């Protein structure tokens, strides 16, 4: 009965595909690292990793090859991290790394750089060469967050920034990033109210033929006149949260 219970506990904490700790176990490991960091005054870190260009792998080569790539990614991550941390799979093509001793920020940054280089090396799956990349978001505890949920949120914000920066890079949480996120949330809330408040209007831009300089039509453009922000530039809406796949 004891062996059965231990096996069930192990299975409950393990990701079946990769053999890595699953999302729930990663949270436990991060909680342990955060308590140790607070007690010893030594920062810990959480790295969120999201694979770049993985969806086309499943769409093009099928899920069996996609699963093989995920297992290969898991192995490379474990090899790079070694005894310096715990690698887990959060689900899909997302992974996480818990680093118990992150006192040296430079070493964490070097680890992120090595991971990015390692993951983008080609994968040979059944004589098929597959290439992907990875983006990394990192937060340090308890500096950036004093709870597991807060620290995970901060690492996720850094990951979104890495995606917005062009992918294949690592970004680290900062107070400026928090301010940008809060402004994005406010902008999204304002946008939801803009329709009912009739803050949108149409502008018509003439289209002129380059050949004969004659008017050939008009382009209808929607513009947002916010009561406090004034006219909101269209580029500002690109900062709103979106799928990072």
Protein backbone atom coordinates (compact mmCIF):
# COMPACT_ATOMS: atom_id res chain seq x y z
CA UNK A 1 0.00 0.00 0.00
CA UNK A 2 2.86 2.36 0.82
CA UNK A 3 4.55 1.63 -2.53
CA UNK A 4 1.26 2.17 -4.34
CA UNK A 5 0.73 5.48 -2.55
CA UNK A 6 4.25 6.61 -3.41
CA UNK A 7 3.72 5.68 -7.05
CA UNK A 8 0.43 7.57 -7.20
CA UNK A 9 2.07 10.60 -5.61
CA UNK A 10 4.89 10.42 -8.15
CA UNK A 11 2.46 10.18 -11.06
CA UNK A 12 0.43 13.10 -9.71
CA UNK A 13 3.54 15.30 -9.75
CA UNK A 14 4.96 14.15 -13.10
CA UNK A 15 4.31 15.21 -16.67
CA UNK A 16 3.77 11.94 -18.53
CA UNK A 17 5.14 13.07 -21.89
CA UNK A 18 8.44 14.59 -20.74
CA UNK A 19 8.98 12.88 -17.39
CA UNK A 20 9.51 16.32 -15.83
CA UNK A 21 7.69 17.83 -12.84
CA UNK A 22 4.26 19.07 -13.92
CA UNK A 23 2.65 22.46 -13.28
CA UNK A 24 1.50 21.59 -9.78
CA UNK A 25 4.91 20.26 -8.78
CA UNK A 26 6.65 23.33 -10.23
CA UNK A 27 4.50 25.51 -7.98
CA UNK A 28 5.52 23.40 -4.98
CA UNK A 29 9.20 23.63 -5.90
CA UNK A 30 8.92 27.39 -6.35
CA UNK A 31 7.19 27.71 -2.98
CA UNK A 32 10.01 25.77 -1.31
CA UNK A 33 12.64 27.91 -3.07
CA UNK A 34 10.84 31.12 -2.10
CA UNK A 35 10.64 30.14 1.58
CA UNK A 36 14.31 29.21 1.55
CA UNK A 37 15.22 32.46 -0.19
CA UNK A 38 13.33 34.49 2.42
CA UNK A 39 14.90 32.60 5.32
CA UNK A 40 18.47 32.69 3.97
CA UNK A 41 18.29 36.11 2.28
CA UNK A 42 19.42 34.46 -0.96
CA UNK A 43 17.29 35.16 -4.04
CA UNK A 44 15.68 32.38 -6.02
CA UNK A 45 14.43 32.64 -9.60
CA UNK A 46 11.70 31.30 -11.85
CA UNK A 47 12.22 31.08 -15.60
CA UNK A 48 9.25 30.71 -17.94
CA UNK A 49 10.06 29.31 -21.37
CA UNK A 50 7.78 29.32 -24.40
CA UNK A 51 8.86 27.59 -27.61
CA UNK A 52 8.90 29.75 -30.74
CA UNK A 53 7.60 28.24 -33.94
CA UNK A 54 6.41 25.00 -32.37
CA UNK A 55 2.80 25.08 -33.61
CA UNK A 56 3.84 24.63 -37.27
CA UNK A 57 5.75 21.50 -36.19
CA UNK A 58 2.53 19.81 -35.12
CA UNK A 59 0.64 21.17 -38.13
CA UNK A 60 3.30 20.11 -40.64
CA UNK A 61 4.84 16.94 -39.24
CA UNK A 62 2.08 15.69 -36.93
CA UNK A 63 1.76 15.31 -33.17
CA UNK A 64 4.03 12.24 -32.83
CA UNK A 65 7.00 14.24 -34.15
CA UNK A 66 5.89 17.22 -32.09
CA UNK A 67 5.90 15.08 -28.95
CA UNK A 68 9.37 13.81 -29.85
CA UNK A 69 10.59 17.40 -30.14
CA UNK A 70 9.13 18.23 -26.71
CA UNK A 71 10.95 15.28 -25.17
CA UNK A 72 14.18 16.39 -26.86
CA UNK A 73 13.67 19.94 -25.56
CA UNK A 74 13.14 18.57 -22.05
CA UNK A 75 16.41 16.65 -22.22
CA UNK A 76 18.36 19.67 -23.46
CA UNK A 77 16.94 21.81 -20.68
CA UNK A 78 17.86 19.27 -18.02
CA UNK A 79 21.37 19.00 -19.47
CA UNK A 80 21.85 22.79 -19.44
CA UNK A 81 20.41 23.36 -15.96
CA UNK A 82 22.06 20.36 -14.30
CA UNK A 83 22.10 20.57 -10.53
CA UNK A 84 21.49 24.33 -10.52
CA UNK A 85 17.70 24.05 -10.68
CA UNK A 86 14.56 22.07 -11.40
CA UNK A 87 13.11 21.84 -14.90
CA UNK A 88 9.35 21.36 -15.27
CA UNK A 89 6.76 21.34 -18.02
CA UNK A 90 3.83 23.66 -17.54
CA UNK A 91 1.85 22.16 -20.42
CA UNK A 92 1.79 22.43 -24.21
CA UNK A 93 5.08 23.97 -25.36
CA UNK A 94 5.70 25.85 -22.11
CA UNK A 95 8.42 24.91 -19.63
CA UNK A 96 9.65 26.38 -16.35
CA UNK A 97 12.89 26.31 -14.40
CA UNK A 98 13.13 26.92 -10.66
CA UNK A 99 16.55 28.10 -9.52
CA UNK A 100 17.03 27.86 -5.76
CA UNK A 101 20.21 29.94 -5.56
CA UNK A 102 19.99 32.94 -7.88
CA UNK A 103 22.29 35.23 -5.92
CA UNK A 104 24.39 35.78 -9.04
CA UNK A 105 22.15 37.43 -11.61
CA UNK A 106 24.95 37.13 -14.15
CA UNK A 107 24.96 33.33 -13.86
CA UNK A 108 21.20 33.25 -14.38
CA UNK A 109 21.53 35.43 -17.46
CA UNK A 110 24.30 33.18 -18.80
CA UNK A 111 22.07 30.14 -18.23
CA UNK A 112 19.27 31.82 -20.20
CA UNK A 113 21.68 32.56 -23.05
CA UNK A 114 22.89 28.94 -23.12
CA UNK A 115 19.34 27.65 -23.15
CA UNK A 116 18.38 29.87 -26.08
CA UNK A 117 21.41 28.68 -28.06
CA UNK A 118 20.79 25.04 -27.17
CA UNK A 119 17.08 24.97 -28.02
CA UNK A 120 17.52 26.53 -31.45
CA UNK A 121 19.96 23.83 -32.54
CA UNK A 122 18.21 21.56 -35.11
CA UNK A 123 16.38 18.41 -34.05
CA UNK A 124 16.62 15.24 -36.14
CA UNK A 125 13.35 13.35 -35.70
CA UNK A 126 12.99 10.26 -37.93
CA UNK A 127 15.45 11.75 -40.44
CA UNK A 128 13.50 15.01 -40.47
CA UNK A 129 15.31 18.20 -39.47
CA UNK A 130 13.16 20.46 -37.31
CA UNK A 131 14.11 23.91 -36.06
CA UNK A 132 12.42 25.91 -33.31
CA UNK A 133 13.42 28.59 -30.83
CA UNK A 134 12.58 29.67 -27.31
CA UNK A 135 11.74 32.89 -25.46
CA UNK A 136 12.47 33.25 -21.74
CA UNK A 137 10.92 35.38 -19.01
CA UNK A 138 12.55 35.55 -15.60
CA UNK A 139 11.64 36.90 -12.17
CA UNK A 140 13.59 36.82 -8.91
CA UNK A 141 12.08 36.08 -5.53
CA UNK A 142 11.37 37.55 -3.11
CA UNK A 143 12.63 40.71 -4.85
CA UNK A 144 10.03 40.71 -7.63
CA UNK A 145 7.33 38.80 -5.77
CA UNK A 146 6.81 37.50 -2.25
CA UNK A 147 4.32 34.76 -3.17
CA UNK A 148 4.26 31.96 -5.71
CA UNK A 149 1.36 33.49 -7.65
CA UNK A 150 2.96 36.94 -7.71
CA UNK A 151 6.31 35.59 -8.84
CA UNK A 152 4.71 33.50 -11.58
CA UNK A 153 2.79 36.56 -12.78
CA UNK A 154 6.00 38.62 -12.94
CA UNK A 155 7.86 35.90 -14.88
CA UNK A 156 4.92 35.65 -17.29
CA UNK A 157 5.00 39.42 -17.87
CA UNK A 158 8.71 39.18 -18.66
CA UNK A 159 7.96 36.34 -21.09
CA UNK A 160 5.38 38.47 -22.91
CA UNK A 161 8.03 41.18 -23.22
CA UNK A 162 10.46 38.64 -24.68
CA UNK A 163 7.84 37.67 -27.26
CA UNK A 164 7.17 41.31 -28.13
CA UNK A 165 10.92 41.93 -28.48
CA UNK A 166 11.09 39.56 -31.43
CA UNK A 167 11.35 36.18 -29.69
CA UNK A 168 14.45 34.10 -29.15
CA UNK A 169 15.55 36.38 -26.30
CA UNK A 170 15.39 36.51 -22.50
CA UNK A 171 13.77 39.34 -20.57
CA UNK A 172 13.75 40.05 -16.84
CA UNK A 173 10.97 41.57 -14.79
CA UNK A 174 11.31 45.23 -13.80
CA UNK A 175 9.12 47.88 -12.18
CA UNK A 176 8.89 49.62 -15.56
CA UNK A 177 7.44 46.44 -17.02
CA UNK A 178 4.83 46.39 -14.26
CA UNK A 179 3.83 49.97 -15.06
CA UNK A 180 3.51 49.15 -18.75
CA UNK A 181 1.34 46.15 -17.93
CA UNK A 182 -0.96 48.21 -15.71
CA UNK A 183 -1.30 50.81 -18.48
CA UNK A 184 -2.17 48.06 -20.97
CA UNK A 185 -4.86 46.76 -18.63
CA UNK A 186 -6.34 50.25 -18.24
CA UNK A 187 -6.23 50.75 -22.01
CA UNK A 188 -8.04 47.46 -22.56
CA UNK A 189 -10.73 48.44 -20.03
CA UNK A 190 -11.15 51.83 -21.70
CA UNK A 191 -11.45 50.14 -25.08
CA UNK A 192 -14.32 47.97 -23.82
CA UNK A 193 -16.22 51.11 -22.80
CA UNK A 194 -15.41 53.07 -25.94
CA UNK A 195 -18.16 51.53 -28.08
CA UNK A 196 -21.01 52.13 -25.62
CA UNK A 197 -19.66 55.63 -24.92
CA UNK A 198 -19.56 56.42 -28.67
CA UNK A 199 -15.89 57.42 -28.61
CA UNK A 200 -15.19 56.04 -32.09
CA UNK A 201 -15.70 57.94 -35.31
CA UNK A 202 -14.88 57.44 -38.97
CA UNK A 203 -12.27 59.39 -40.90
CA UNK A 204 -12.05 59.21 -44.69
CA UNK A 205 -8.67 59.32 -46.39
CA UNK A 206 -8.61 60.01 -50.13
CA UNK A 207 -6.97 57.50 -52.46
CA UNK A 208 -5.24 59.11 -55.42
CA UNK A 209 -3.95 57.29 -58.48
CA UNK A 210 -0.19 57.68 -58.85
CA UNK A 211 -0.60 57.38 -62.62
CA UNK A 212 -2.93 60.28 -63.34
CA UNK A 213 -3.34 61.97 -59.93
CA UNK A 214 -7.10 61.41 -60.04
CA UNK A 215 -9.22 60.63 -57.02
CA UNK A 216 -10.17 56.96 -57.17
CA UNK A 217 -11.85 56.46 -53.80
CA UNK A 218 -11.59 56.81 -50.07
CA UNK A 219 -10.21 54.65 -47.27
CA UNK A 220 -12.43 54.52 -44.19
CA UNK A 221 -10.44 54.67 -40.96
CA UNK A 222 -11.81 54.27 -37.45
CA UNK A 223 -10.39 56.64 -34.86
CA UNK A 224 -10.69 56.59 -31.08
CA UNK A 225 -11.14 59.91 -29.29
CA UNK A 226 -10.65 59.13 -25.59
CA UNK A 227 -12.02 61.73 -23.13
CA UNK A 228 -8.72 61.82 -21.17
CA UNK A 229 -6.13 60.38 -23.55
CA UNK A 230 -7.33 62.35 -26.56
CA UNK A 231 -6.88 60.70 -29.95
CA UNK A 232 -5.35 57.29 -29.28
CA UNK A 233 -2.72 56.38 -31.90
CA UNK A 234 -3.53 53.08 -33.69
CA UNK A 235 -0.11 51.75 -32.69
CA UNK A 236 -1.07 51.97 -29.01
CA UNK A 237 -3.57 49.15 -29.48
CA UNK A 238 -0.75 46.79 -30.47
CA UNK A 239 0.33 46.89 -26.81
CA UNK A 240 -2.86 45.16 -25.68
CA UNK A 241 -2.55 41.54 -24.43
CA UNK A 242 -2.67 38.96 -27.18
CA UNK A 243 -1.88 35.31 -27.80
CA UNK A 244 1.88 34.76 -27.72
CA UNK A 245 1.91 31.51 -29.69
